[in-house]
């Protein structure tokens, strides 16, 4: 009702074209040795501190999904809005964060597209 008063219609998610990912897709790549054997809190803190990409500053978190049988193994993840802007999956996991976001963001297609958009302004 509020939306009709404001002259807008409420968006429906049914026709948005987005598909829910399957559990295997949502899990991401296999868990790295550092993730399975290390302290995830310390790993998260160090990745947040070492982040070089503007989209990932203080955005690294520990992720665990609820499934029908319980939860998945916790792992390091990051939701990158730059990747979402160019149509890629916004979720990246430990190895990508370590090798690209914290080391050389120029390797990332989404980061390069962002820099191009900024330079055009």
N, C-alpha and C. Protein backbone atom coordinates (compact mmCIF):
# COMPACT_ATOMS: atom_id res chain seq x y z
N UNK A 1 0.80 -1.18 0.00
CA UNK A 1 0.00 0.00 0.00
C UNK A 1 0.86 1.26 0.00
N UNK A 2 1.92 1.26 0.79
CA UNK A 2 2.81 2.40 0.84
C UNK A 2 3.40 2.69 -0.54
N UNK A 3 3.74 1.65 -1.27
CA UNK A 3 4.33 1.83 -2.59
C UNK A 3 3.35 2.49 -3.55
N UNK A 4 2.08 2.14 -3.45
CA UNK A 4 1.10 2.76 -4.34
C UNK A 4 0.88 4.22 -3.98
N UNK A 5 1.01 4.57 -2.71
CA UNK A 5 0.89 5.97 -2.29
C UNK A 5 2.04 6.81 -2.81
N UNK A 6 3.20 6.20 -2.89
CA UNK A 6 4.38 6.90 -3.39
C UNK A 6 4.46 6.89 -4.92
N UNK A 7 3.52 6.22 -5.56
CA UNK A 7 3.52 6.18 -7.01
C UNK A 7 4.46 5.16 -7.61
N UNK A 8 4.91 4.23 -6.80
CA UNK A 8 5.81 3.17 -7.27
C UNK A 8 5.14 1.83 -7.08
N UNK A 9 5.59 0.88 -7.86
CA UNK A 9 5.10 -0.48 -7.65
C UNK A 9 6.19 -1.28 -6.98
N UNK A 10 5.78 -2.21 -6.17
CA UNK A 10 6.73 -3.06 -5.47
C UNK A 10 7.33 -4.04 -6.47
N UNK A 11 8.66 -4.19 -6.42
CA UNK A 11 9.33 -5.09 -7.34
C UNK A 11 9.10 -6.54 -6.93
N UNK A 12 8.86 -7.35 -7.93
CA UNK A 12 8.68 -8.77 -7.69
C UNK A 12 9.98 -9.49 -8.01
N UNK A 13 10.40 -10.39 -7.14
CA UNK A 13 11.63 -11.14 -7.37
C UNK A 13 11.40 -12.35 -8.27
N UNK A 14 10.13 -12.67 -8.55
CA UNK A 14 9.84 -13.85 -9.34
C UNK A 14 10.33 -13.71 -10.77
N UNK A 15 10.20 -12.54 -11.35
CA UNK A 15 10.58 -12.35 -12.74
C UNK A 15 11.93 -11.69 -12.91
N UNK A 16 12.75 -11.68 -11.87
CA UNK A 16 14.02 -10.98 -11.95
C UNK A 16 15.06 -11.72 -12.79
N UNK A 17 14.84 -12.99 -13.08
CA UNK A 17 15.78 -13.74 -13.90
C UNK A 17 16.92 -14.36 -13.12
N UNK A 18 17.03 -14.04 -11.84
CA UNK A 18 18.10 -14.63 -11.04
C UNK A 18 17.68 -16.02 -10.58
N UNK A 19 18.58 -16.96 -10.68
CA UNK A 19 18.34 -18.31 -10.22
C UNK A 19 19.05 -18.51 -8.89
N UNK A 20 18.42 -19.26 -8.01
CA UNK A 20 19.08 -19.60 -6.76
C UNK A 20 20.19 -20.61 -7.06
N UNK A 21 21.37 -20.40 -6.48
CA UNK A 21 22.45 -21.35 -6.73
C UNK A 21 22.19 -22.69 -6.05
N UNK A 22 22.72 -23.74 -6.64
CA UNK A 22 22.64 -25.05 -6.00
C UNK A 22 23.61 -25.07 -4.82
N UNK A 23 23.50 -26.08 -3.98
CA UNK A 23 24.38 -26.14 -2.81
C UNK A 23 25.84 -26.25 -3.23
N UNK A 24 26.14 -27.02 -4.26
CA UNK A 24 27.53 -27.16 -4.69
C UNK A 24 28.07 -25.84 -5.25
N UNK A 25 27.23 -25.06 -5.94
CA UNK A 25 27.66 -23.76 -6.42
C UNK A 25 27.86 -22.78 -5.27
N UNK A 26 26.99 -22.84 -4.28
CA UNK A 26 27.08 -21.94 -3.13
C UNK A 26 28.28 -22.26 -2.26
N UNK A 27 28.72 -23.50 -2.28
CA UNK A 27 29.87 -23.90 -1.49
C UNK A 27 31.15 -23.26 -2.00
N UNK A 28 31.25 -23.01 -3.30
CA UNK A 28 32.45 -22.42 -3.86
C UNK A 28 33.50 -23.47 -4.15
N UNK A 29 34.73 -23.02 -4.41
CA UNK A 29 35.81 -23.96 -4.70
C UNK A 29 36.19 -24.78 -3.47
N UNK A 30 36.98 -25.82 -3.65
CA UNK A 30 37.40 -26.63 -2.49
C UNK A 30 38.10 -25.77 -1.44
N UNK A 31 37.97 -26.15 -0.20
CA UNK A 31 38.56 -25.40 0.91
C UNK A 31 40.08 -25.57 0.88
N UNK A 32 40.80 -24.45 0.98
CA UNK A 32 42.26 -24.45 0.96
C UNK A 32 42.81 -25.00 2.28
N UNK A 33 44.06 -25.46 2.24
CA UNK A 33 44.69 -26.02 3.44
C UNK A 33 44.75 -24.99 4.57
N UNK A 34 45.06 -23.73 4.21
CA UNK A 34 45.15 -22.69 5.24
C UNK A 34 43.81 -22.49 5.94
N UNK A 35 42.72 -22.64 5.19
CA UNK A 35 41.39 -22.48 5.78
C UNK A 35 41.04 -23.65 6.68
N UNK A 36 41.35 -24.86 6.24
CA UNK A 36 40.94 -26.04 7.01
C UNK A 36 41.82 -26.27 8.24
N UNK A 37 43.07 -25.83 8.19
CA UNK A 37 43.99 -26.09 9.31
C UNK A 37 44.28 -24.87 10.17
N UNK A 38 43.94 -23.67 9.68
CA UNK A 38 44.31 -22.46 10.40
C UNK A 38 43.18 -21.89 11.24
N UNK A 39 43.50 -20.85 11.97
CA UNK A 39 42.53 -20.12 12.77
C UNK A 39 41.83 -19.12 11.85
N UNK A 40 40.55 -19.31 11.59
CA UNK A 40 39.83 -18.47 10.63
C UNK A 40 39.71 -17.02 11.09
N UNK A 41 39.61 -16.79 12.38
CA UNK A 41 39.50 -15.41 12.88
C UNK A 41 40.78 -14.63 12.61
N UNK A 42 41.92 -15.25 12.85
CA UNK A 42 43.20 -14.59 12.58
C UNK A 42 43.37 -14.39 11.08
N UNK A 43 42.99 -15.38 10.30
CA UNK A 43 43.08 -15.28 8.84
C UNK A 43 42.19 -14.15 8.32
N UNK A 44 40.98 -14.04 8.84
CA UNK A 44 40.07 -12.97 8.44
C UNK A 44 40.65 -11.59 8.77
N UNK A 45 41.19 -11.45 9.97
CA UNK A 45 41.77 -10.18 10.40
C UNK A 45 42.95 -9.78 9.52
N UNK A 46 43.81 -10.74 9.22
CA UNK A 46 44.99 -10.42 8.40
C UNK A 46 44.60 -10.07 6.97
N UNK A 47 43.59 -10.75 6.41
CA UNK A 47 43.14 -10.41 5.06
C UNK A 47 42.49 -9.03 5.02
N UNK A 48 41.69 -8.69 6.03
CA UNK A 48 41.10 -7.35 6.09
C UNK A 48 42.18 -6.28 6.21
N UNK A 49 43.23 -6.56 6.95
CA UNK A 49 44.33 -5.61 7.13
C UNK A 49 45.14 -5.44 5.85
N UNK A 50 45.35 -6.54 5.11
CA UNK A 50 46.19 -6.50 3.91
C UNK A 50 45.44 -6.16 2.63
N UNK A 51 44.14 -5.92 2.71
CA UNK A 51 43.30 -5.68 1.54
C UNK A 51 43.78 -4.45 0.77
N UNK A 52 43.96 -4.63 -0.56
CA UNK A 52 44.36 -3.53 -1.43
C UNK A 52 43.22 -3.05 -2.31
N UNK A 53 42.22 -3.88 -2.56
CA UNK A 53 41.09 -3.52 -3.40
C UNK A 53 40.12 -2.63 -2.61
N UNK A 54 39.65 -1.57 -3.25
CA UNK A 54 38.75 -0.64 -2.56
C UNK A 54 37.42 -1.29 -2.20
N UNK A 55 36.96 -2.25 -2.96
CA UNK A 55 35.68 -2.90 -2.71
C UNK A 55 35.75 -3.88 -1.54
N UNK A 56 36.95 -4.32 -1.18
CA UNK A 56 37.07 -5.34 -0.15
C UNK A 56 37.52 -4.85 1.21
N UNK A 57 37.70 -3.54 1.37
CA UNK A 57 38.16 -3.01 2.66
C UNK A 57 37.20 -3.41 3.78
N UNK A 58 37.72 -4.15 4.74
CA UNK A 58 36.94 -4.63 5.91
C UNK A 58 35.67 -5.36 5.53
N UNK A 59 35.70 -6.11 4.43
CA UNK A 59 34.53 -6.86 3.98
C UNK A 59 34.71 -8.37 4.06
N UNK A 60 35.89 -8.84 4.42
CA UNK A 60 36.14 -10.28 4.53
C UNK A 60 35.42 -10.80 5.78
N UNK A 61 34.78 -11.95 5.62
CA UNK A 61 34.04 -12.52 6.75
C UNK A 61 34.13 -14.04 6.74
N UNK A 62 33.74 -14.64 7.84
CA UNK A 62 33.69 -16.10 7.96
C UNK A 62 32.27 -16.53 7.60
N UNK A 63 32.16 -17.44 6.64
CA UNK A 63 30.86 -17.81 6.08
C UNK A 63 30.57 -19.29 6.33
N UNK A 64 29.37 -19.58 6.78
CA UNK A 64 28.89 -20.95 6.94
C UNK A 64 27.42 -20.95 6.53
N UNK A 65 27.03 -21.91 5.71
CA UNK A 65 25.65 -21.96 5.21
C UNK A 65 24.83 -22.99 5.98
N UNK A 66 23.56 -22.68 6.16
CA UNK A 66 22.63 -23.64 6.74
C UNK A 66 22.13 -24.55 5.64
N UNK A 67 22.16 -25.84 5.89
CA UNK A 67 21.63 -26.82 4.94
C UNK A 67 20.53 -27.61 5.64
N UNK A 68 19.93 -28.52 4.93
CA UNK A 68 18.89 -29.34 5.53
C UNK A 68 19.41 -30.24 6.63
N UNK A 69 20.70 -30.57 6.59
CA UNK A 69 21.29 -31.49 7.56
C UNK A 69 22.14 -30.82 8.62
N UNK A 70 22.26 -29.51 8.57
CA UNK A 70 23.11 -28.81 9.53
C UNK A 70 23.73 -27.59 8.87
N UNK A 71 25.03 -27.44 9.04
CA UNK A 71 25.73 -26.31 8.44
C UNK A 71 26.94 -26.80 7.65
N UNK A 72 27.42 -25.94 6.77
CA UNK A 72 28.64 -26.26 6.03
C UNK A 72 29.84 -25.86 6.87
N UNK A 73 31.00 -26.34 6.47
CA UNK A 73 32.24 -25.99 7.16
C UNK A 73 32.50 -24.49 6.99
N UNK A 74 32.83 -23.77 8.06
CA UNK A 74 33.10 -22.33 7.94
C UNK A 74 34.29 -22.07 7.03
N UNK A 75 34.20 -20.97 6.27
CA UNK A 75 35.30 -20.60 5.39
C UNK A 75 35.34 -19.10 5.20
N UNK A 76 36.45 -18.63 4.65
CA UNK A 76 36.66 -17.21 4.41
C UNK A 76 35.97 -16.81 3.11
N UNK A 77 35.24 -15.69 3.12
CA UNK A 77 34.54 -15.23 1.93
C UNK A 77 34.50 -13.70 1.90
N UNK A 78 34.10 -13.18 0.74
CA UNK A 78 33.97 -11.75 0.52
C UNK A 78 32.89 -11.54 -0.53
N UNK A 79 31.96 -10.62 -0.28
CA UNK A 79 30.96 -10.26 -1.29
C UNK A 79 31.44 -8.99 -1.97
N UNK A 80 31.75 -9.10 -3.24
CA UNK A 80 32.32 -7.98 -3.99
C UNK A 80 31.25 -7.34 -4.86
N UNK A 81 30.89 -6.11 -4.55
CA UNK A 81 29.86 -5.42 -5.33
C UNK A 81 30.37 -5.05 -6.72
N UNK A 82 31.68 -4.95 -6.90
CA UNK A 82 32.22 -4.66 -8.23
C UNK A 82 31.97 -5.83 -9.18
N UNK A 83 32.11 -7.05 -8.68
CA UNK A 83 31.84 -8.23 -9.51
C UNK A 83 30.35 -8.31 -9.85
N UNK A 84 29.50 -7.98 -8.90
CA UNK A 84 28.06 -8.00 -9.16
C UNK A 84 27.71 -6.98 -10.24
N UNK A 85 28.37 -5.82 -10.25
CA UNK A 85 28.09 -4.78 -11.23
C UNK A 85 28.37 -5.21 -12.66
N UNK A 86 29.32 -6.13 -12.85
CA UNK A 86 29.63 -6.58 -14.22
C UNK A 86 29.02 -7.95 -14.53
N UNK A 87 28.14 -8.43 -13.65
CA UNK A 87 27.41 -9.66 -13.92
C UNK A 87 28.08 -10.94 -13.46
N UNK A 88 29.16 -10.85 -12.70
CA UNK A 88 29.81 -12.04 -12.17
C UNK A 88 29.24 -12.35 -10.79
N UNK A 89 29.52 -13.55 -10.33
CA UNK A 89 29.09 -13.93 -8.98
C UNK A 89 29.81 -13.03 -7.97
N UNK A 90 29.07 -12.41 -7.05
CA UNK A 90 29.72 -11.48 -6.12
C UNK A 90 30.56 -12.15 -5.04
N UNK A 91 30.38 -13.43 -4.83
CA UNK A 91 31.10 -14.10 -3.76
C UNK A 91 32.44 -14.64 -4.25
N UNK A 92 33.48 -14.27 -3.52
CA UNK A 92 34.82 -14.80 -3.78
C UNK A 92 35.32 -15.43 -2.49
N UNK A 93 36.23 -16.38 -2.63
CA UNK A 93 36.69 -17.15 -1.49
C UNK A 93 38.18 -16.96 -1.25
N UNK A 94 38.71 -17.63 -0.26
CA UNK A 94 40.03 -17.37 0.29
C UNK A 94 41.14 -17.21 -0.74
N UNK A 95 41.30 -18.17 -1.64
CA UNK A 95 42.44 -18.11 -2.55
C UNK A 95 42.38 -16.89 -3.46
N UNK A 96 41.18 -16.53 -3.94
CA UNK A 96 41.04 -15.34 -4.77
C UNK A 96 41.32 -14.08 -3.95
N UNK A 97 40.82 -14.05 -2.73
CA UNK A 97 41.05 -12.89 -1.86
C UNK A 97 42.54 -12.72 -1.61
N UNK A 98 43.20 -13.81 -1.26
CA UNK A 98 44.63 -13.77 -0.95
C UNK A 98 45.47 -13.38 -2.16
N UNK A 99 45.18 -14.00 -3.33
CA UNK A 99 46.03 -13.81 -4.51
C UNK A 99 45.71 -12.55 -5.31
N UNK A 100 44.45 -12.13 -5.31
CA UNK A 100 44.05 -11.00 -6.16
C UNK A 100 43.72 -9.77 -5.31
N UNK A 101 42.75 -9.87 -4.45
CA UNK A 101 42.27 -8.69 -3.70
C UNK A 101 43.33 -8.11 -2.76
N UNK A 102 44.11 -8.97 -2.12
CA UNK A 102 45.11 -8.50 -1.16
C UNK A 102 46.49 -8.34 -1.78
N UNK A 103 46.66 -8.78 -2.99
CA UNK A 103 47.99 -8.75 -3.60
C UNK A 103 48.05 -7.82 -4.80
N UNK A 104 47.26 -8.11 -5.83
CA UNK A 104 47.28 -7.32 -7.05
C UNK A 104 45.88 -7.21 -7.63
N UNK A 105 45.10 -6.21 -7.22
CA UNK A 105 43.74 -6.09 -7.71
C UNK A 105 43.64 -5.83 -9.21
N UNK A 106 44.73 -5.41 -9.84
CA UNK A 106 44.72 -5.18 -11.29
C UNK A 106 44.45 -6.46 -12.07
N UNK A 107 44.63 -7.62 -11.45
CA UNK A 107 44.35 -8.90 -12.10
C UNK A 107 42.84 -9.14 -12.22
N UNK A 108 42.05 -8.43 -11.44
CA UNK A 108 40.61 -8.66 -11.39
C UNK A 108 39.89 -7.86 -12.47
N UNK A 109 39.06 -8.54 -13.25
CA UNK A 109 38.30 -7.91 -14.31
C UNK A 109 37.34 -6.85 -13.76
N UNK A 110 36.72 -7.13 -12.64
CA UNK A 110 35.76 -6.19 -12.04
C UNK A 110 36.46 -4.92 -11.57
N UNK A 111 37.65 -5.05 -11.01
CA UNK A 111 38.41 -3.88 -10.56
C UNK A 111 38.82 -3.01 -11.75
N UNK A 112 39.27 -3.66 -12.82
CA UNK A 112 39.66 -2.90 -14.02
C UNK A 112 38.46 -2.17 -14.61
N UNK A 113 37.29 -2.82 -14.64
CA UNK A 113 36.08 -2.17 -15.17
C UNK A 113 35.69 -0.98 -14.28
N UNK A 114 35.85 -1.12 -12.97
CA UNK A 114 35.57 -0.03 -12.04
C UNK A 114 36.49 1.15 -12.30
N UNK A 115 37.79 0.88 -12.45
CA UNK A 115 38.74 1.96 -12.71
C UNK A 115 38.43 2.67 -14.02
N UNK A 116 38.00 1.92 -15.02
CA UNK A 116 37.63 2.52 -16.31
C UNK A 116 36.44 3.44 -16.15
N UNK A 117 35.43 3.01 -15.39
CA UNK A 117 34.25 3.85 -15.14
C UNK A 117 34.62 5.12 -14.41
N UNK A 118 35.51 5.02 -13.42
CA UNK A 118 35.92 6.18 -12.63
C UNK A 118 36.71 7.17 -13.50
N UNK A 119 37.59 6.66 -14.35
CA UNK A 119 38.41 7.52 -15.19
C UNK A 119 37.58 8.28 -16.22
N UNK A 120 36.44 7.72 -16.63
CA UNK A 120 35.57 8.38 -17.60
C UNK A 120 34.83 9.56 -17.00
N UNK A 121 34.70 9.59 -15.68
CA UNK A 121 33.95 10.67 -15.03
C UNK A 121 34.70 11.97 -15.04
